[in-house]
Amino acid sequence: MTESPQDASDLFWSGPSPYCEIGRNHPRDRHRMKAVEGHELVWGCDRHSLFARLVASHQAESIKRNDEFPMHDGSEGLVTGLGDERPGGTIIYFRAK
């Protein structure tokens, strides 16, 4: 299993909420994810049951699609894709396993 993401306080402000991974690939469904309350640098998309988290760039280098990835709530998840780089990190898209 992939190591736990680094503490969000170690990362810089990440800019605006990321686009949903589905919207990045299908422009007609382009929309931004919403911040997940109580979790810093984690966003969710209720429409597609996807989440995104900013992780340190060095950690993102070792993460690939379909790798196991811990969800923000402690449950098991799977990586669905890698997003754009942000100051201090890279966006990782994931869903519940």
PDB file of N, CA and C in Angstrom:
ATOM      1  N   MET A   1       0.845  -1.183   0.000  1.00  0.00           N
ATOM      2  CA  MET A   1       0.000   0.000   0.000  1.00  0.00           C
ATOM      3  C   MET A   1       0.887   1.242   0.000  1.00  0.00           C
ATOM      4  N   THR A   2       0.479   2.270  -0.669  1.00  0.00           N
ATOM      5  CA  THR A   2       1.217   3.523  -0.740  1.00  0.00           C
ATOM      6  C   THR A   2       1.255   4.177   0.630  1.00  0.00           C
ATOM      7  N   GLU A   3       2.398   4.784   0.948  1.00  0.00           N
ATOM      8  CA  GLU A   3       2.502   5.458   2.249  1.00  0.00           C
ATOM      9  C   GLU A   3       1.467   6.574   2.352  1.00  0.00           C
ATOM     10  N   SER A   4       1.120   6.917   3.570  1.00  0.00           N
ATOM     11  CA  SER A   4       0.137   7.976   3.791  1.00  0.00           C
ATOM     12  C   SER A   4       0.633   9.293   3.232  1.00  0.00           C
ATOM     13  N   PRO A   5      -0.273  10.108   2.703  1.00  0.00           N
ATOM     14  CA  PRO A   5       0.118  11.414   2.173  1.00  0.00           C
ATOM     15  C   PRO A   5       0.736  12.267   3.265  1.00  0.00           C
ATOM     16  N   GLN A   6       1.607  13.130   2.856  1.00  0.00           N
ATOM     17  CA  GLN A   6       2.281  14.016   3.802  1.00  0.00           C
ATOM     18  C   GLN A   6       1.275  14.985   4.411  1.00  0.00           C
ATOM     19  N   ASP A   7       1.597  15.462   5.581  1.00  0.00           N
ATOM     20  CA  ASP A   7       0.745  16.421   6.284  1.00  0.00           C
ATOM     21  C   ASP A   7       0.493  17.639   5.406  1.00  0.00           C
ATOM     22  N   ALA A   8      -0.754  18.017   5.263  1.00  0.00           N
ATOM     23  CA  ALA A   8      -1.139  19.134   4.401  1.00  0.00           C
ATOM     24  C   ALA A   8      -0.472  20.435   4.805  1.00  0.00           C
ATOM     25  N   SER A   9      -0.137  20.583   6.074  1.00  0.00           N
ATOM     26  CA  SER A   9       0.472  21.835   6.514  1.00  0.00           C
ATOM     27  C   SER A   9       1.868  22.024   5.921  1.00  0.00           C
ATOM     28  N   ASP A  10       2.495  20.946   5.416  1.00  0.00           N
ATOM     29  CA  ASP A  10       3.808  21.043   4.798  1.00  0.00           C
ATOM     30  C   ASP A  10       3.730  21.545   3.359  1.00  0.00           C
ATOM     31  N   LEU A  11       2.537  21.575   2.778  1.00  0.00           N
ATOM     32  CA  LEU A  11       2.357  21.990   1.396  1.00  0.00           C
ATOM     33  C   LEU A  11       1.893  23.433   1.330  1.00  0.00           C
ATOM     34  N   PHE A  12       2.154  24.059   0.216  1.00  0.00           N
ATOM     35  CA  PHE A  12       1.750  25.440   0.001  1.00  0.00           C
ATOM     36  C   PHE A  12       0.281  25.509  -0.385  1.00  0.00           C
ATOM     37  N   TRP A  13      -0.266  26.732  -0.362  1.00  0.00           N
ATOM     38  CA  TRP A  13      -1.613  26.936  -0.870  1.00  0.00           C
ATOM     39  C   TRP A  13      -1.636  26.432  -2.293  1.00  0.00           C
ATOM     40  N   SER A  14      -2.643  25.735  -2.691  1.00  0.00           N
ATOM     41  CA  SER A  14      -2.644  25.003  -3.947  1.00  0.00           C
ATOM     42  C   SER A  14      -3.384  25.696  -5.075  1.00  0.00           C
ATOM     43  N   GLY A  15      -3.885  26.901  -4.866  1.00  0.00           N
ATOM     44  CA  GLY A  15      -4.625  27.570  -5.933  1.00  0.00           C
ATOM     45  C   GLY A  15      -6.094  27.186  -5.881  1.00  0.00           C
ATOM     46  N   PRO A  16      -6.811  27.435  -6.975  1.00  0.00           N
ATOM     47  CA  PRO A  16      -8.243  27.128  -6.984  1.00  0.00           C
ATOM     48  C   PRO A  16      -8.501  25.626  -6.947  1.00  0.00           C
ATOM     49  N   SER A  17      -9.730  25.266  -6.618  1.00  0.00           N
ATOM     50  CA  SER A  17     -10.104  23.854  -6.619  1.00  0.00           C
ATOM     51  C   SER A  17      -9.801  23.243  -7.980  1.00  0.00           C
ATOM     52  N   PRO A  18      -9.314  22.004  -7.998  1.00  0.00           N
ATOM     53  CA  PRO A  18      -8.992  21.385  -9.289  1.00  0.00           C
ATOM     54  C   PRO A  18     -10.256  21.005 -10.057  1.00  0.00           C
ATOM     55  N   TYR A  19     -10.109  20.895 -11.367  1.00  0.00           N
ATOM     56  CA  TYR A  19     -11.198  20.374 -12.173  1.00  0.00           C
ATOM     57  C   TYR A  19     -11.368  18.903 -11.858  1.00  0.00           C
ATOM     58  N   CYS A  20     -12.604  18.418 -11.929  1.00  0.00           N
ATOM     59  CA  CYS A  20     -12.876  16.994 -11.761  1.00  0.00           C
ATOM     60  C   CYS A  20     -12.117  16.247 -12.859  1.00  0.00           C
ATOM     61  N   GLU A  21     -11.600  15.078 -12.535  1.00  0.00           N
ATOM     62  CA  GLU A  21     -10.850  14.295 -13.518  1.00  0.00           C
ATOM     63  C   GLU A  21     -11.710  13.964 -14.738  1.00  0.00           C
ATOM     64  N   ILE A  22     -12.979  13.704 -14.535  1.00  0.00           N
ATOM     65  CA  ILE A  22     -13.881  13.412 -15.660  1.00  0.00           C
ATOM     66  C   ILE A  22     -13.966  14.632 -16.567  1.00  0.00           C
ATOM     67  N   GLY A  23     -14.110  15.802 -15.991  1.00  0.00           N
ATOM     68  CA  GLY A  23     -14.199  17.029 -16.773  1.00  0.00           C
ATOM     69  C   GLY A  23     -12.917  17.372 -17.501  1.00  0.00           C
ATOM     70  N   ARG A  24     -11.790  16.971 -16.949  1.00  0.00           N
ATOM     71  CA  ARG A  24     -10.519  17.206 -17.637  1.00  0.00           C
ATOM     72  C   ARG A  24     -10.457  16.408 -18.927  1.00  0.00           C
ATOM     73  N   ASN A  25     -11.078  15.240 -18.938  1.00  0.00           N
ATOM     74  CA  ASN A  25     -11.040  14.365 -20.108  1.00  0.00           C
ATOM     75  C   ASN A  25     -12.243  14.533 -21.024  1.00  0.00           C
ATOM     76  N   HIS A  26     -13.324  15.075 -20.522  1.00  0.00           N
ATOM     77  CA  HIS A  26     -14.553  15.285 -21.296  1.00  0.00           C
ATOM     78  C   HIS A  26     -14.991  16.736 -21.118  1.00  0.00           C
ATOM     79  N   PRO A  27     -14.513  17.626 -21.970  1.00  0.00           N
ATOM     80  CA  PRO A  27     -14.754  19.068 -21.798  1.00  0.00           C
ATOM     81  C   PRO A  27     -16.218  19.472 -21.654  1.00  0.00           C
ATOM     82  N   ARG A  28     -17.150  18.697 -22.170  1.00  0.00           N
ATOM     83  CA  ARG A  28     -18.569  19.061 -22.036  1.00  0.00           C
ATOM     84  C   ARG A  28     -19.049  18.888 -20.603  1.00  0.00           C
ATOM     85  N   ASP A  29     -18.284  18.174 -19.785  1.00  0.00           N
ATOM     86  CA  ASP A  29     -18.629  17.941 -18.381  1.00  0.00           C
ATOM     87  C   ASP A  29     -17.601  18.606 -17.466  1.00  0.00           C
ATOM     88  N   ARG A  30     -17.022  19.705 -17.909  1.00  0.00           N
ATOM     89  CA  ARG A  30     -15.953  20.367 -17.149  1.00  0.00           C
ATOM     90  C   ARG A  30     -16.535  21.108 -15.944  1.00  0.00           C
ATOM     91  N   HIS A  31     -16.089  20.746 -14.775  1.00  0.00           N
ATOM     92  CA  HIS A  31     -16.527  21.389 -13.545  1.00  0.00           C
ATOM     93  C   HIS A  31     -15.448  21.213 -12.483  1.00  0.00           C
ATOM     94  N   ARG A  32     -15.467  22.093 -11.506  1.00  0.00           N
ATOM     95  CA  ARG A  32     -14.480  22.036 -10.425  1.00  0.00           C
ATOM     96  C   ARG A  32     -15.004  21.194  -9.259  1.00  0.00           C
ATOM     97  N   MET A  33     -14.064  20.612  -8.557  1.00  0.00           N
ATOM     98  CA  MET A  33     -14.397  19.825  -7.374  1.00  0.00           C
ATOM     99  C   MET A  33     -14.578  20.793  -6.202  1.00  0.00           C
ATOM    100  N   LYS A  34     -15.236  20.316  -5.160  1.00  0.00           N
ATOM    101  CA  LYS A  34     -15.483  21.137  -3.975  1.00  0.00           C
ATOM    102  C   LYS A  34     -14.623  20.641  -2.821  1.00  0.00           C
ATOM    103  N   ALA A  35     -14.188  21.571  -1.986  1.00  0.00           N
ATOM    104  CA  ALA A  35     -13.381  21.212  -0.823  1.00  0.00           C
ATOM    105  C   ALA A  35     -14.160  20.253   0.084  1.00  0.00           C
ATOM    106  N   VAL A  36     -13.470  19.257   0.606  1.00  0.00           N
ATOM    107  CA  VAL A  36     -14.076  18.313   1.547  1.00  0.00           C
ATOM    108  C   VAL A  36     -13.905  18.906   2.938  1.00  0.00           C
ATOM    109  N   GLU A  37     -15.014  19.190   3.578  1.00  0.00           N
ATOM    110  CA  GLU A  37     -14.997  19.832   4.884  1.00  0.00           C
ATOM    111  C   GLU A  37     -14.231  18.986   5.894  1.00  0.00           C
ATOM    112  N   GLY A  38     -13.357  19.650   6.633  1.00  0.00           N
ATOM    113  CA  GLY A  38     -12.595  18.978   7.676  1.00  0.00           C
ATOM    114  C   GLY A  38     -11.301  18.336   7.199  1.00  0.00           C
ATOM    115  N   HIS A  39     -10.995  18.452   5.904  1.00  0.00           N
ATOM    116  CA  HIS A  39      -9.780  17.853   5.347  1.00  0.00           C
ATOM    117  C   HIS A  39      -9.078  18.874   4.467  1.00  0.00           C
ATOM    118  N   GLU A  40      -7.890  19.292   4.880  1.00  0.00           N
ATOM    119  CA  GLU A  40      -7.147  20.285   4.104  1.00  0.00           C
ATOM    120  C   GLU A  40      -6.619  19.672   2.814  1.00  0.00           C
ATOM    121  N   LEU A  41      -6.671  20.449   1.727  1.00  0.00           N
ATOM    122  CA  LEU A  41      -6.136  20.072   0.428  1.00  0.00           C
ATOM    123  C   LEU A  41      -6.726  18.779  -0.115  1.00  0.00           C
ATOM    124  N   VAL A  42      -8.014  18.534   0.207  1.00  0.00           N
ATOM    125  CA  VAL A  42      -8.765  17.397  -0.340  1.00  0.00           C
ATOM    126  C   VAL A  42     -10.048  17.958  -0.936  1.00  0.00           C
ATOM    127  N   TRP A  43     -10.360  17.527  -2.160  1.00  0.00           N
ATOM    128  CA  TRP A  43     -11.565  17.973  -2.847  1.00  0.00           C
ATOM    129  C   TRP A  43     -12.367  16.765  -3.285  1.00  0.00           C
ATOM    130  N   GLY A  44     -13.676  16.938  -3.451  1.00  0.00           N
ATOM    131  CA  GLY A  44     -14.539  15.844  -3.859  1.00  0.00           C
ATOM    132  C   GLY A  44     -15.489  16.245  -4.971  1.00  0.00           C
ATOM    133  N   CYS A  45     -15.942  15.255  -5.716  1.00  0.00           N
ATOM    134  CA  CYS A  45     -16.952  15.443  -6.754  1.00  0.00           C
ATOM    135  C   CYS A  45     -18.082  14.462  -6.466  1.00  0.00           C
ATOM    136  N   ASP A  46     -19.208  14.978  -5.980  1.00  0.00           N
ATOM    137  CA  ASP A  46     -20.355  14.130  -5.670  1.00  0.00           C
ATOM    138  C   ASP A  46     -20.929  13.481  -6.921  1.00  0.00           C
ATOM    139  N   ARG A  47     -20.844  14.183  -8.029  1.00  0.00           N
ATOM    140  CA  ARG A  47     -21.410  13.685  -9.291  1.00  0.00           C
ATOM    141  C   ARG A  47     -20.724  12.404  -9.762  1.00  0.00           C
ATOM    142  N   HIS A  48     -19.407  12.308  -9.566  1.00  0.00           N
ATOM    143  CA  HIS A  48     -18.646  11.163 -10.070  1.00  0.00           C
ATOM    144  C   HIS A  48     -18.002  10.314  -8.975  1.00  0.00           C
ATOM    145  N   SER A  49     -18.276  10.614  -7.720  1.00  0.00           N
ATOM    146  CA  SER A  49     -17.710   9.876  -6.574  1.00  0.00           C
ATOM    147  C   SER A  49     -16.188   9.798  -6.642  1.00  0.00           C
ATOM    148  N   LEU A  50     -15.570  10.920  -6.994  1.00  0.00           N
ATOM    149  CA  LEU A  50     -14.118  11.019  -7.067  1.00  0.00           C
ATOM    150  C   LEU A  50     -13.619  12.024  -6.048  1.00  0.00           C
ATOM    151  N   PHE A  51     -12.361  11.875  -5.687  1.00  0.00           N
ATOM    152  CA  PHE A  51     -11.713  12.804  -4.778  1.00  0.00           C
ATOM    153  C   PHE A  51     -10.356  13.178  -5.354  1.00  0.00           C
ATOM    154  N   ALA A  52      -9.814  14.263  -4.871  1.00  0.00           N
ATOM    155  CA  ALA A  52      -8.477  14.702  -5.258  1.00  0.00           C
ATOM    156  C   ALA A  52      -7.759  15.184  -4.015  1.00  0.00           C
ATOM    157  N   ARG A  53      -6.465  15.004  -4.004  1.00  0.00           N
ATOM    158  CA  ARG A  53      -5.654  15.442  -2.871  1.00  0.00           C
ATOM    159  C   ARG A  53      -4.329  15.949  -3.414  1.00  0.00           C
ATOM    160  N   LEU A  54      -3.809  16.991  -2.803  1.00  0.00           N
ATOM    161  CA  LEU A  54      -2.488  17.489  -3.144  1.00  0.00           C
ATOM    162  C   LEU A  54      -1.476  16.712  -2.317  1.00  0.00           C
ATOM    163  N   VAL A  55      -0.523  16.067  -2.980  1.00  0.00           N
ATOM    164  CA  VAL A  55       0.549  15.341  -2.291  1.00  0.00           C
ATOM    165  C   VAL A  55       1.879  15.914  -2.745  1.00  0.00           C
ATOM    166  N   ALA A  56       2.909  15.694  -1.966  1.00  0.00           N
ATOM    167  CA  ALA A  56       4.246  16.176  -2.303  1.00  0.00           C
ATOM    168  C   ALA A  56       4.683  15.597  -3.648  1.00  0.00           C
ATOM    169  N   SER A  57       5.364  16.392  -4.438  1.00  0.00           N
ATOM    170  CA  SER A  57       5.793  15.968  -5.781  1.00  0.00           C
ATOM    171  C   SER A  57       6.639  14.703  -5.744  1.00  0.00           C
ATOM    172  N   HIS A  58       7.533  14.581  -4.775  1.00  0.00           N
ATOM    173  CA  HIS A  58       8.376  13.380  -4.704  1.00  0.00           C
ATOM    174  C   HIS A  58       7.536  12.128  -4.418  1.00  0.00           C
ATOM    175  N   GLN A  59       6.448  12.268  -3.690  1.00  0.00           N
ATOM    176  CA  GLN A  59       5.576  11.127  -3.426  1.00  0.00           C
ATOM    177  C   GLN A  59       4.772  10.777  -4.674  1.00  0.00           C
ATOM    178  N   ALA A  60       4.322  11.785  -5.404  1.00  0.00           N
ATOM    179  CA  ALA A  60       3.512  11.564  -6.602  1.00  0.00           C
ATOM    180  C   ALA A  60       4.286  10.819  -7.681  1.00  0.00           C
ATOM    181  N   GLU A  61       5.598  10.977  -7.714  1.00  0.00           N
ATOM    182  CA  GLU A  61       6.423  10.310  -8.723  1.00  0.00           C
ATOM    183  C   GLU A  61       6.308   8.790  -8.657  1.00  0.00           C
ATOM    184  N   SER A  62       6.028   8.249  -7.479  1.00  0.00           N
ATOM    185  CA  SER A  62       5.957   6.800  -7.314  1.00  0.00           C
ATOM    186  C   SER A  62       4.527   6.257  -7.389  1.00  0.00           C
ATOM    187  N   ILE A  63       3.544   7.125  -7.609  1.00  0.00           N
ATOM    188  CA  ILE A  63       2.139   6.709  -7.641  1.00  0.00           C
ATOM    189  C   ILE A  63       1.681   6.533  -9.081  1.00  0.00           C
ATOM    190  N   LYS A  64       0.990   5.420  -9.333  1.00  0.00           N
ATOM    191  CA  LYS A  64       0.473   5.129 -10.671  1.00  0.00           C
ATOM    192  C   LYS A  64      -1.021   4.823 -10.596  1.00  0.00           C
ATOM    193  N   ARG A  65      -1.701   4.919 -11.715  1.00  0.00           N
ATOM    194  CA  ARG A  65      -3.123   4.595 -11.818  1.00  0.00           C
ATOM    195  C   ARG A  65      -3.362   3.177 -11.289  1.00  0.00           C
ATOM    196  N   ASN A  66      -4.433   2.993 -10.548  1.00  0.00           N
ATOM    197  CA  ASN A  66      -4.860   1.740  -9.928  1.00  0.00           C
ATOM    198  C   ASN A  66      -4.031   1.320  -8.725  1.00  0.00           C
ATOM    199  N   ASP A  67      -3.093   2.143  -8.263  1.00  0.00           N
ATOM    200  CA  ASP A  67      -2.387   1.866  -7.010  1.00  0.00           C
ATOM    201  C   ASP A  67      -3.358   2.063  -5.847  1.00  0.00           C
ATOM    202  N   GLU A  68      -3.137   1.312  -4.783  1.00  0.00           N
ATOM    203  CA  GLU A  68      -3.921   1.544  -3.578  1.00  0.00           C
ATOM    204  C   GLU A  68      -3.509   2.888  -3.004  1.00  0.00           C
ATOM    205  N   PHE A  69      -4.486   3.598  -2.432  1.00  0.00           N
ATOM    206  CA  PHE A  69      -4.224   4.937  -1.904  1.00  0.00           C
ATOM    207  C   PHE A  69      -5.193   5.174  -0.760  1.00  0.00           C
ATOM    208  N   PRO A  70      -4.701   5.583   0.408  1.00  0.00           N
ATOM    209  CA  PRO A  70      -5.593   5.786   1.551  1.00  0.00           C
ATOM    210  C   PRO A  70      -6.540   6.967   1.325  1.00  0.00           C
ATOM    211  N   MET A  71      -7.803   6.747   1.588  1.00  0.00           N
ATOM    212  CA  MET A  71      -8.796   7.810   1.474  1.00  0.00           C
ATOM    213  C   MET A  71      -8.605   8.787   2.636  1.00  0.00           C
ATOM    214  N   HIS A  72      -9.136   9.967   2.483  1.00  0.00           N
ATOM    215  CA  HIS A  72      -9.045  11.000   3.513  1.00  0.00           C
ATOM    216  C   HIS A  72      -9.768  10.591   4.795  1.00  0.00           C
ATOM    217  N   ASP A  73     -10.744   9.680   4.684  1.00  0.00           N
ATOM    218  CA  ASP A  73     -11.500   9.235   5.864  1.00  0.00           C
ATOM    219  C   ASP A  73     -10.934   7.958   6.474  1.00  0.00           C
ATOM    220  N   GLY A  74      -9.789   7.487   5.950  1.00  0.00           N
ATOM    221  CA  GLY A  74      -9.148   6.302   6.501  1.00  0.00           C
ATOM    222  C   GLY A  74      -9.492   5.005   5.796  1.00  0.00           C
ATOM    223  N   SER A  75     -10.477   4.998   4.914  1.00  0.00           N
ATOM    224  CA  SER A  75     -10.828   3.775   4.201  1.00  0.00           C
ATOM    225  C   SER A  75      -9.876   3.547   3.020  1.00  0.00           C
ATOM    226  N   GLU A  76     -10.020   2.398   2.359  1.00  0.00           N
ATOM    227  CA  GLU A  76      -9.146   2.052   1.244  1.00  0.00           C
ATOM    228  C   GLU A  76      -9.636   2.709  -0.036  1.00  0.00           C
ATOM    229  N   GLY A  77      -8.698   3.144  -0.844  1.00  0.00           N
ATOM    230  CA  GLY A  77      -9.032   3.767  -2.114  1.00  0.00           C
ATOM    231  C   GLY A  77      -8.082   3.335  -3.207  1.00  0.00           C
ATOM    232  N   LEU A  78      -8.400   3.753  -4.432  1.00  0.00           N
ATOM    233  CA  LEU A  78      -7.571   3.469  -5.599  1.00  0.00           C
ATOM    234  C   LEU A  78      -7.303   4.758  -6.351  1.00  0.00           C
ATOM    235  N   VAL A  79      -6.092   4.904  -6.860  1.00  0.00           N
ATOM    236  CA  VAL A  79      -5.740   6.058  -7.671  1.00  0.00           C
ATOM    237  C   VAL A  79      -6.412   5.913  -9.037  1.00  0.00           C
ATOM    238  N   THR A  80      -7.067   6.979  -9.482  1.00  0.00           N
ATOM    239  CA  THR A  80      -7.683   6.962 -10.812  1.00  0.00           C
ATOM    240  C   THR A  80      -6.866   7.771 -11.806  1.00  0.00           C
ATOM    241  N   GLY A  81      -5.992   8.630 -11.311  1.00  0.00           N
ATOM    242  CA  GLY A  81      -5.153   9.409 -12.214  1.00  0.00           C
ATOM    243  C   GLY A  81      -4.336  10.452 -11.489  1.00  0.00           C
ATOM    244  N   LEU A  82      -3.412  11.037 -12.223  1.00  0.00           N
ATOM    245  CA  LEU A  82      -2.579  12.115 -11.709  1.00  0.00           C
ATOM    246  C   LEU A  82      -3.012  13.401 -12.384  1.00  0.00           C
ATOM    247  N   GLY A  83      -3.069  14.455 -11.623  1.00  0.00           N
ATOM    248  CA  GLY A  83      -3.472  15.744 -12.158  1.00  0.00           C
ATOM    249  C   GLY A  83      -2.289  16.654 -12.368  1.00  0.00           C
ATOM    250  N   ASP A  84      -2.583  17.933 -12.409  1.00  0.00           N
ATOM    251  CA  ASP A  84      -1.540  18.915 -12.668  1.00  0.00           C
ATOM    252  C   ASP A  84      -0.698  19.186 -11.430  1.00  0.00           C
ATOM    253  N   GLU A  85       0.470  19.720 -11.691  1.00  0.00           N
ATOM    254  CA  GLU A  85       1.353  20.105 -10.594  1.00  0.00           C
ATOM    255  C   GLU A  85       0.910  21.443 -10.039  1.00  0.00           C
ATOM    256  N   ARG A  86       1.033  21.579  -8.750  1.00  0.00           N
ATOM    257  CA  ARG A  86       0.721  22.811  -8.037  1.00  0.00           C
ATOM    258  C   ARG A  86       1.950  23.212  -7.252  1.00  0.00           C
ATOM    259  N   PRO A  87       1.969  24.425  -6.719  1.00  0.00           N
ATOM    260  CA  PRO A  87       3.123  24.799  -5.883  1.00  0.00           C
ATOM    261  C   PRO A  87       3.286  23.807  -4.728  1.00  0.00           C
ATOM    262  N   GLY A  88       4.396  23.119  -4.688  1.00  0.00           N
ATOM    263  CA  GLY A  88       4.692  22.193  -3.605  1.00  0.00           C
ATOM    264  C   GLY A  88       4.131  20.806  -3.763  1.00  0.00           C
ATOM    265  N   GLY A  89       3.430  20.499  -4.843  1.00  0.00           N
ATOM    266  CA  GLY A  89       2.877  19.160  -4.957  1.00  0.00           C
ATOM    267  C   GLY A  89       2.207  18.865  -6.279  1.00  0.00           C
ATOM    268  N   THR A  90       1.545  17.718  -6.314  1.00  0.00           N
ATOM    269  CA  THR A  90       0.827  17.238  -7.492  1.00  0.00           C
ATOM    270  C   THR A  90      -0.541  16.755  -7.046  1.00  0.00           C
ATOM    271  N   ILE A  91      -1.547  16.989  -7.863  1.00  0.00           N
ATOM    272  CA  ILE A  91      -2.903  16.516  -7.569  1.00  0.00           C
ATOM    273  C   ILE A  91      -3.008  15.028  -7.899  1.00  0.00           C
ATOM    274  N   ILE A  92      -3.518  14.241  -6.967  1.00  0.00           N
ATOM    275  CA  ILE A  92      -3.786  12.823  -7.157  1.00  0.00           C
ATOM    276  C   ILE A  92      -5.303  12.642  -7.118  1.00  0.00           C
ATOM    277  N   TYR A  93      -5.868  11.989  -8.127  1.00  0.00           N
ATOM    278  CA  TYR A  93      -7.300  11.684  -8.139  1.00  0.00           C
ATOM    279  C   TYR A  93      -7.486  10.247  -7.648  1.00  0.00           C
ATOM    280  N   PHE A  94      -8.498  10.039  -6.816  1.00  0.00           N
ATOM    281  CA  PHE A  94      -8.735   8.699  -6.264  1.00  0.00           C
ATOM    282  C   PHE A  94     -10.213   8.505  -5.976  1.00  0.00           C
ATOM    283  N   ARG A  95     -10.592   7.240  -5.763  1.00  0.00           N
ATOM    284  CA  ARG A  95     -11.971   6.869  -5.439  1.00  0.00           C
ATOM    285  C   ARG A  95     -11.936   5.746  -4.418  1.00  0.00           C
ATOM    286  N   ALA A  96     -13.092   5.470  -3.822  1.00  0.00           N
ATOM    287  CA  ALA A  96     -13.181   4.359  -2.862  1.00  0.00           C
ATOM    288  C   ALA A  96     -12.956   3.041  -3.575  1.00  0.00           C
ATOM    289  N   LYS A  97     -12.345   2.128  -2.880  1.00  0.00           N
ATOM    290  CA  LYS A  97     -12.029   0.808  -3.446  1.00  0.00           C
ATOM    291  C   LYS A  97     -13.269  -0.036  -3.539  1.00  0.00           C
TER     292      LYS A  97
END
